[in-house]
Amino acid sequence: VQLQASGGGLVQAGGSLRLSCAASGRAISMVIMAWFRQAPGKEREFVASISRSGGTYYADFVKARFIISRHNANNTAILEMNSLKLEDTAVYLCAASGWASVTYYQAGYSYWGQGTQVTVSS
């Protein structure tokens, strides 16, 4: 699976962004999709995942602000980010897993996109 993330940019605190992850090489209906992020000087961390059946799982720090979805028809996963905070600034990466079940465990994801930069300003 090849993954291409897009949609990042500069946004003011409280604003919204919509990230897209376009997949090729395999139908995303057959994999678990997820978003991770990595801020400067910090380790990569889990943001959200969506299972083949559409079940979602979120990191506590994004609950009620971010929404992950999948659009199997165009082989794309989406991360809707609302009420953005300064601490959301990071490179956001999409990932895919062929495991039967996985959420935040990074080693469970075999396929990674290149990331898209999200910068939240005050």
N, C-alpha and C. Protein backbone atom coordinates (compact mmCIF):
# COMPACT_ATOMS: atom_id res chain seq x y z
N VAL A 1 0.85 -1.19 0.00
CA VAL A 1 0.00 0.00 0.00
C VAL A 1 0.88 1.24 0.00
N GLN A 2 0.61 2.15 -0.91
CA GLN A 2 1.30 3.44 -0.92
C GLN A 2 0.32 4.49 -0.41
N LEU A 3 0.80 5.35 0.48
CA LEU A 3 -0.06 6.34 1.12
C LEU A 3 0.47 7.74 0.86
N GLN A 4 -0.42 8.65 0.55
CA GLN A 4 -0.06 10.03 0.28
C GLN A 4 -0.95 10.94 1.12
N ALA A 5 -0.36 11.60 2.10
CA ALA A 5 -1.11 12.51 2.97
C ALA A 5 -1.07 13.92 2.41
N SER A 6 -2.16 14.64 2.60
CA SER A 6 -2.24 16.03 2.15
C SER A 6 -3.23 16.79 3.01
N GLY A 7 -3.27 18.10 2.82
CA GLY A 7 -4.25 18.92 3.52
C GLY A 7 -3.71 19.73 4.68
N GLY A 8 -2.46 19.55 5.02
CA GLY A 8 -1.90 20.32 6.12
C GLY A 8 -1.73 21.78 5.74
N GLY A 9 -1.38 22.58 6.73
CA GLY A 9 -1.17 24.00 6.48
C GLY A 9 -1.09 24.77 7.76
N LEU A 10 -1.20 26.08 7.63
CA LEU A 10 -1.15 27.00 8.77
C LEU A 10 -2.57 27.44 9.11
N VAL A 11 -2.93 27.32 10.37
CA VAL A 11 -4.27 27.68 10.81
C VAL A 11 -4.19 28.33 12.18
N GLN A 12 -5.11 29.23 12.46
CA GLN A 12 -5.13 29.86 13.77
C GLN A 12 -5.76 28.94 14.80
N ALA A 13 -5.39 29.12 16.03
CA ALA A 13 -5.98 28.34 17.12
C ALA A 13 -7.50 28.49 17.09
N GLY A 14 -8.18 27.37 17.27
CA GLY A 14 -9.63 27.36 17.19
C GLY A 14 -10.16 27.03 15.82
N GLY A 15 -9.29 27.03 14.83
CA GLY A 15 -9.69 26.75 13.47
C GLY A 15 -9.77 25.26 13.16
N SER A 16 -9.97 24.97 11.87
CA SER A 16 -10.15 23.59 11.42
C SER A 16 -9.30 23.30 10.20
N LEU A 17 -8.96 22.04 10.06
CA LEU A 17 -8.27 21.53 8.88
C LEU A 17 -8.81 20.15 8.56
N ARG A 18 -8.69 19.80 7.30
CA ARG A 18 -9.13 18.47 6.85
C ARG A 18 -7.97 17.80 6.14
N LEU A 19 -7.48 16.73 6.73
CA LEU A 19 -6.38 15.97 6.15
C LEU A 19 -6.92 14.80 5.35
N SER A 20 -6.25 14.51 4.24
CA SER A 20 -6.62 13.37 3.42
C SER A 20 -5.44 12.42 3.27
N CYS A 21 -5.74 11.16 3.19
CA CYS A 21 -4.73 10.13 2.96
C CYS A 21 -5.21 9.28 1.80
N ALA A 22 -4.58 9.46 0.65
CA ALA A 22 -4.95 8.70 -0.54
C ALA A 22 -4.11 7.43 -0.61
N ALA A 23 -4.77 6.31 -0.77
CA ALA A 23 -4.08 5.03 -0.82
C ALA A 23 -4.09 4.49 -2.24
N SER A 24 -3.04 3.77 -2.57
CA SER A 24 -2.97 3.07 -3.85
C SER A 24 -2.30 1.73 -3.63
N GLY A 25 -2.56 0.82 -4.53
CA GLY A 25 -1.94 -0.49 -4.44
C GLY A 25 -2.78 -1.53 -3.71
N ARG A 26 -3.72 -1.04 -2.92
CA ARG A 26 -4.59 -1.95 -2.20
C ARG A 26 -5.83 -1.17 -1.76
N ALA A 27 -6.96 -1.82 -1.76
CA ALA A 27 -8.19 -1.16 -1.31
C ALA A 27 -8.13 -0.92 0.19
N ILE A 28 -8.47 0.30 0.63
CA ILE A 28 -8.38 0.59 2.05
C ILE A 28 -9.47 -0.13 2.84
N SER A 29 -10.46 -0.66 2.13
CA SER A 29 -11.47 -1.44 2.82
C SER A 29 -10.89 -2.71 3.42
N MET A 30 -9.69 -3.07 2.98
CA MET A 30 -9.05 -4.30 3.44
C MET A 30 -8.04 -4.06 4.55
N VAL A 31 -7.83 -2.80 4.94
CA VAL A 31 -6.82 -2.50 5.96
C VAL A 31 -7.41 -1.58 7.03
N ILE A 32 -6.72 -1.54 8.15
CA ILE A 32 -7.02 -0.57 9.20
C ILE A 32 -6.23 0.69 8.86
N MET A 33 -6.89 1.84 8.96
CA MET A 33 -6.24 3.11 8.68
C MET A 33 -6.07 3.91 9.97
N ALA A 34 -5.00 4.68 10.02
CA ALA A 34 -4.75 5.47 11.23
C ALA A 34 -3.99 6.74 10.89
N TRP A 35 -4.06 7.67 11.84
CA TRP A 35 -3.25 8.88 11.79
C TRP A 35 -2.37 8.93 13.04
N PHE A 36 -1.13 9.29 12.83
CA PHE A 36 -0.19 9.56 13.91
C PHE A 36 0.35 10.97 13.69
N ARG A 37 1.03 11.48 14.69
CA ARG A 37 1.66 12.79 14.53
C ARG A 37 2.98 12.83 15.28
N GLN A 38 3.85 13.70 14.82
CA GLN A 38 5.15 13.87 15.47
C GLN A 38 5.49 15.35 15.51
N ALA A 39 5.60 15.87 16.71
CA ALA A 39 5.98 17.27 16.91
C ALA A 39 7.50 17.35 17.06
N PRO A 40 8.09 18.50 16.79
CA PRO A 40 9.55 18.65 16.90
C PRO A 40 10.05 18.27 18.28
N GLY A 41 11.05 17.41 18.31
CA GLY A 41 11.65 17.01 19.58
C GLY A 41 10.83 16.01 20.37
N LYS A 42 9.73 15.54 19.81
CA LYS A 42 8.88 14.59 20.51
C LYS A 42 8.77 13.30 19.73
N GLU A 43 8.35 12.25 20.43
CA GLU A 43 8.16 10.99 19.76
C GLU A 43 6.83 11.00 18.98
N ARG A 44 6.78 10.13 18.00
CA ARG A 44 5.55 9.99 17.23
C ARG A 44 4.46 9.42 18.14
N GLU A 45 3.24 9.95 17.99
CA GLU A 45 2.16 9.50 18.85
C GLU A 45 0.91 9.22 18.03
N PHE A 46 0.10 8.34 18.55
CA PHE A 46 -1.14 7.93 17.92
C PHE A 46 -2.18 9.04 18.03
N VAL A 47 -2.97 9.22 16.97
CA VAL A 47 -4.04 10.21 16.97
C VAL A 47 -5.40 9.52 16.87
N ALA A 48 -5.59 8.72 15.83
CA ALA A 48 -6.89 8.09 15.62
C ALA A 48 -6.74 6.93 14.66
N SER A 49 -7.66 5.96 14.76
CA SER A 49 -7.67 4.84 13.83
C SER A 49 -9.12 4.49 13.48
N ILE A 50 -9.26 3.81 12.35
CA ILE A 50 -10.57 3.35 11.92
C ILE A 50 -10.42 1.94 11.36
N SER A 51 -11.26 1.04 11.83
CA SER A 51 -11.18 -0.36 11.44
C SER A 51 -11.85 -0.59 10.09
N ARG A 52 -11.75 -1.83 9.61
CA ARG A 52 -12.38 -2.17 8.34
C ARG A 52 -13.90 -1.97 8.39
N SER A 53 -14.47 -2.21 9.54
CA SER A 53 -15.92 -2.08 9.69
C SER A 53 -16.36 -0.66 10.04
N GLY A 54 -15.39 0.24 10.20
CA GLY A 54 -15.72 1.63 10.50
C GLY A 54 -15.64 2.01 11.96
N GLY A 55 -15.24 1.08 12.82
CA GLY A 55 -15.07 1.40 14.22
C GLY A 55 -13.91 2.35 14.43
N THR A 56 -14.09 3.36 15.26
CA THR A 56 -13.06 4.38 15.45
C THR A 56 -12.49 4.34 16.86
N TYR A 57 -11.26 4.83 16.96
CA TYR A 57 -10.57 4.87 18.25
C TYR A 57 -9.71 6.12 18.24
N TYR A 58 -9.75 6.87 19.34
CA TYR A 58 -9.06 8.16 19.39
C TYR A 58 -8.15 8.27 20.61
N ALA A 59 -7.07 9.00 20.44
CA ALA A 59 -6.27 9.38 21.59
C ALA A 59 -7.10 10.34 22.44
N ASP A 60 -6.90 10.29 23.73
CA ASP A 60 -7.69 11.13 24.63
C ASP A 60 -7.59 12.61 24.30
N PHE A 61 -6.44 13.05 23.86
CA PHE A 61 -6.25 14.48 23.64
C PHE A 61 -6.97 15.01 22.40
N VAL A 62 -7.55 14.13 21.56
CA VAL A 62 -8.28 14.61 20.38
C VAL A 62 -9.76 14.25 20.40
N LYS A 63 -10.19 13.55 21.42
CA LYS A 63 -11.60 13.16 21.49
C LYS A 63 -12.50 14.38 21.48
N ALA A 64 -13.57 14.29 20.70
CA ALA A 64 -14.58 15.35 20.55
C ALA A 64 -14.07 16.51 19.70
N ARG A 65 -12.81 16.45 19.25
CA ARG A 65 -12.31 17.51 18.36
C ARG A 65 -12.01 16.99 16.96
N PHE A 66 -11.47 15.78 16.87
CA PHE A 66 -11.08 15.20 15.60
C PHE A 66 -12.05 14.07 15.22
N ILE A 67 -12.23 13.90 13.92
CA ILE A 67 -13.06 12.80 13.43
C ILE A 67 -12.31 12.10 12.29
N ILE A 68 -12.14 10.79 12.43
CA ILE A 68 -11.53 10.01 11.37
C ILE A 68 -12.63 9.29 10.60
N SER A 69 -12.47 9.22 9.29
CA SER A 69 -13.45 8.52 8.46
C SER A 69 -12.73 7.88 7.28
N ARG A 70 -13.43 7.00 6.61
CA ARG A 70 -12.84 6.37 5.44
C ARG A 70 -13.84 6.42 4.31
N HIS A 71 -13.35 6.61 3.09
CA HIS A 71 -14.20 6.66 1.92
C HIS A 71 -13.69 5.61 0.96
N ASN A 72 -14.25 4.43 1.09
CA ASN A 72 -13.74 3.29 0.33
C ASN A 72 -13.88 3.51 -1.18
N ALA A 73 -14.88 4.24 -1.59
CA ALA A 73 -15.11 4.43 -3.03
C ALA A 73 -13.93 5.13 -3.71
N ASN A 74 -13.31 6.07 -2.99
CA ASN A 74 -12.15 6.74 -3.58
C ASN A 74 -10.86 6.43 -2.85
N ASN A 75 -10.90 5.36 -2.06
CA ASN A 75 -9.69 4.83 -1.40
C ASN A 75 -8.96 5.91 -0.58
N THR A 76 -9.73 6.63 0.21
CA THR A 76 -9.18 7.74 0.96
C THR A 76 -9.63 7.70 2.41
N ALA A 77 -8.71 8.02 3.30
CA ALA A 77 -9.04 8.20 4.72
C ALA A 77 -8.93 9.69 5.04
N ILE A 78 -9.82 10.16 5.89
CA ILE A 78 -9.91 11.58 6.19
C ILE A 78 -9.75 11.80 7.69
N LEU A 79 -9.08 12.90 8.05
CA LEU A 79 -9.03 13.32 9.44
C LEU A 79 -9.54 14.76 9.50
N GLU A 80 -10.72 14.93 10.06
CA GLU A 80 -11.29 16.26 10.27
C GLU A 80 -10.82 16.76 11.62
N MET A 81 -10.15 17.91 11.63
CA MET A 81 -9.59 18.45 12.87
C MET A 81 -10.26 19.78 13.18
N ASN A 82 -10.90 19.86 14.32
CA ASN A 82 -11.60 21.05 14.74
C ASN A 82 -11.05 21.56 16.07
N SER A 83 -11.36 22.80 16.37
CA SER A 83 -10.92 23.41 17.63
C SER A 83 -9.43 23.19 17.85
N LEU A 84 -8.65 23.46 16.83
CA LEU A 84 -7.22 23.19 16.89
C LEU A 84 -6.54 24.04 17.95
N LYS A 85 -5.56 23.42 18.60
CA LYS A 85 -4.79 24.06 19.65
C LYS A 85 -3.34 24.19 19.22
N LEU A 86 -2.61 25.06 19.88
CA LEU A 86 -1.19 25.23 19.56
C LEU A 86 -0.45 23.91 19.65
N GLU A 87 -0.80 23.10 20.63
CA GLU A 87 -0.11 21.83 20.84
C GLU A 87 -0.44 20.77 19.79
N ASP A 88 -1.36 21.08 18.88
CA ASP A 88 -1.63 20.16 17.79
C ASP A 88 -0.63 20.32 16.65
N THR A 89 0.24 21.30 16.73
CA THR A 89 1.26 21.51 15.71
C THR A 89 2.17 20.30 15.62
N ALA A 90 2.28 19.73 14.42
CA ALA A 90 3.06 18.51 14.22
C ALA A 90 3.00 18.12 12.75
N VAL A 91 3.85 17.16 12.40
CA VAL A 91 3.70 16.48 11.11
C VAL A 91 2.73 15.32 11.33
N TYR A 92 1.69 15.28 10.52
CA TYR A 92 0.68 14.23 10.64
C TYR A 92 0.93 13.19 9.55
N LEU A 93 0.99 11.94 9.98
CA LEU A 93 1.27 10.83 9.08
C LEU A 93 0.09 9.86 9.08
N CYS A 94 -0.25 9.38 7.90
CA CYS A 94 -1.25 8.32 7.84
C CYS A 94 -0.55 6.98 7.72
N ALA A 95 -1.21 5.96 8.20
CA ALA A 95 -0.64 4.62 8.23
C ALA A 95 -1.73 3.59 7.96
N ALA A 96 -1.30 2.43 7.50
CA ALA A 96 -2.23 1.35 7.22
C ALA A 96 -1.69 0.05 7.80
N SER A 97 -2.62 -0.78 8.26
CA SER A 97 -2.24 -2.06 8.87
C SER A 97 -3.07 -3.19 8.27
N GLY A 98 -2.40 -4.29 8.05
CA GLY A 98 -3.10 -5.49 7.58
C GLY A 98 -3.45 -6.44 8.70
N TRP A 99 -3.17 -6.03 9.94
CA TRP A 99 -3.50 -6.87 11.09
C TRP A 99 -5.02 -7.02 11.22
N ALA A 100 -5.42 -8.01 11.96
CA ALA A 100 -6.85 -8.23 12.20
C ALA A 100 -7.41 -7.11 13.08
N SER A 101 -6.60 -6.66 14.03
CA SER A 101 -7.03 -5.61 14.94
C SER A 101 -5.83 -4.87 15.50
N VAL A 102 -5.87 -3.56 15.45
CA VAL A 102 -4.82 -2.73 16.04
C VAL A 102 -5.36 -1.32 16.17
N THR A 103 -4.90 -0.60 17.15
CA THR A 103 -5.29 0.81 17.27
C THR A 103 -4.04 1.67 17.37
N TYR A 104 -3.50 1.85 18.60
CA TYR A 104 -2.40 2.79 18.82
C TYR A 104 -1.01 2.16 18.72
N TYR A 105 -0.93 0.85 18.57
CA TYR A 105 0.36 0.14 18.55
C TYR A 105 1.06 0.37 17.22
N GLN A 106 2.09 1.20 17.22
CA GLN A 106 2.71 1.65 15.97
C GLN A 106 3.32 0.51 15.17
N ALA A 107 3.89 -0.46 15.86
CA ALA A 107 4.53 -1.58 15.16
C ALA A 107 3.52 -2.41 14.36
N GLY A 108 2.25 -2.21 14.62
CA GLY A 108 1.24 -2.94 13.89
C GLY A 108 0.95 -2.36 12.51
N TYR A 109 1.54 -1.22 12.24
CA TYR A 109 1.30 -0.55 10.95
C TYR A 109 2.52 -0.73 10.05
N SER A 110 2.31 -1.37 8.93
CA SER A 110 3.41 -1.68 8.01
C SER A 110 3.59 -0.60 6.94
N TYR A 111 2.57 0.18 6.72
CA TYR A 111 2.59 1.14 5.62
C TYR A 111 2.41 2.56 6.17
N TRP A 112 3.30 3.45 5.72
CA TRP A 112 3.30 4.82 6.21
C TRP A 112 3.39 5.82 5.05
N GLY A 113 2.65 6.89 5.17
CA GLY A 113 2.77 7.98 4.22
C GLY A 113 3.89 8.92 4.65
N GLN A 114 4.14 9.94 3.86
CA GLN A 114 5.27 10.82 4.11
C GLN A 114 4.96 11.93 5.11
N GLY A 115 3.72 12.16 5.42
CA GLY A 115 3.36 13.18 6.40
C GLY A 115 3.01 14.52 5.78
N THR A 116 2.18 15.27 6.51
CA THR A 116 1.81 16.61 6.09
C THR A 116 1.89 17.52 7.32
N GLN A 117 2.46 18.70 7.14
CA GLN A 117 2.71 19.59 8.27
C GLN A 117 1.44 20.37 8.64
N VAL A 118 1.13 20.35 9.92
CA VAL A 118 0.04 21.16 10.48
C VAL A 118 0.66 22.13 11.47
N THR A 119 0.44 23.40 11.27
CA THR A 119 0.95 24.42 12.17
C THR A 119 -0.20 25.27 12.68
N VAL A 120 -0.35 25.32 13.99
CA VAL A 120 -1.41 26.10 14.61
C VAL A 120 -0.79 27.32 15.27
N SER A 121 -1.27 28.48 14.90
CA SER A 121 -0.71 29.73 15.42
C SER A 121 -1.70 30.41 16.37
N SER A 122 -1.16 31.26 17.22
CA SER A 122 -2.00 31.97 18.19
C SER A 122 -2.57 33.25 17.59
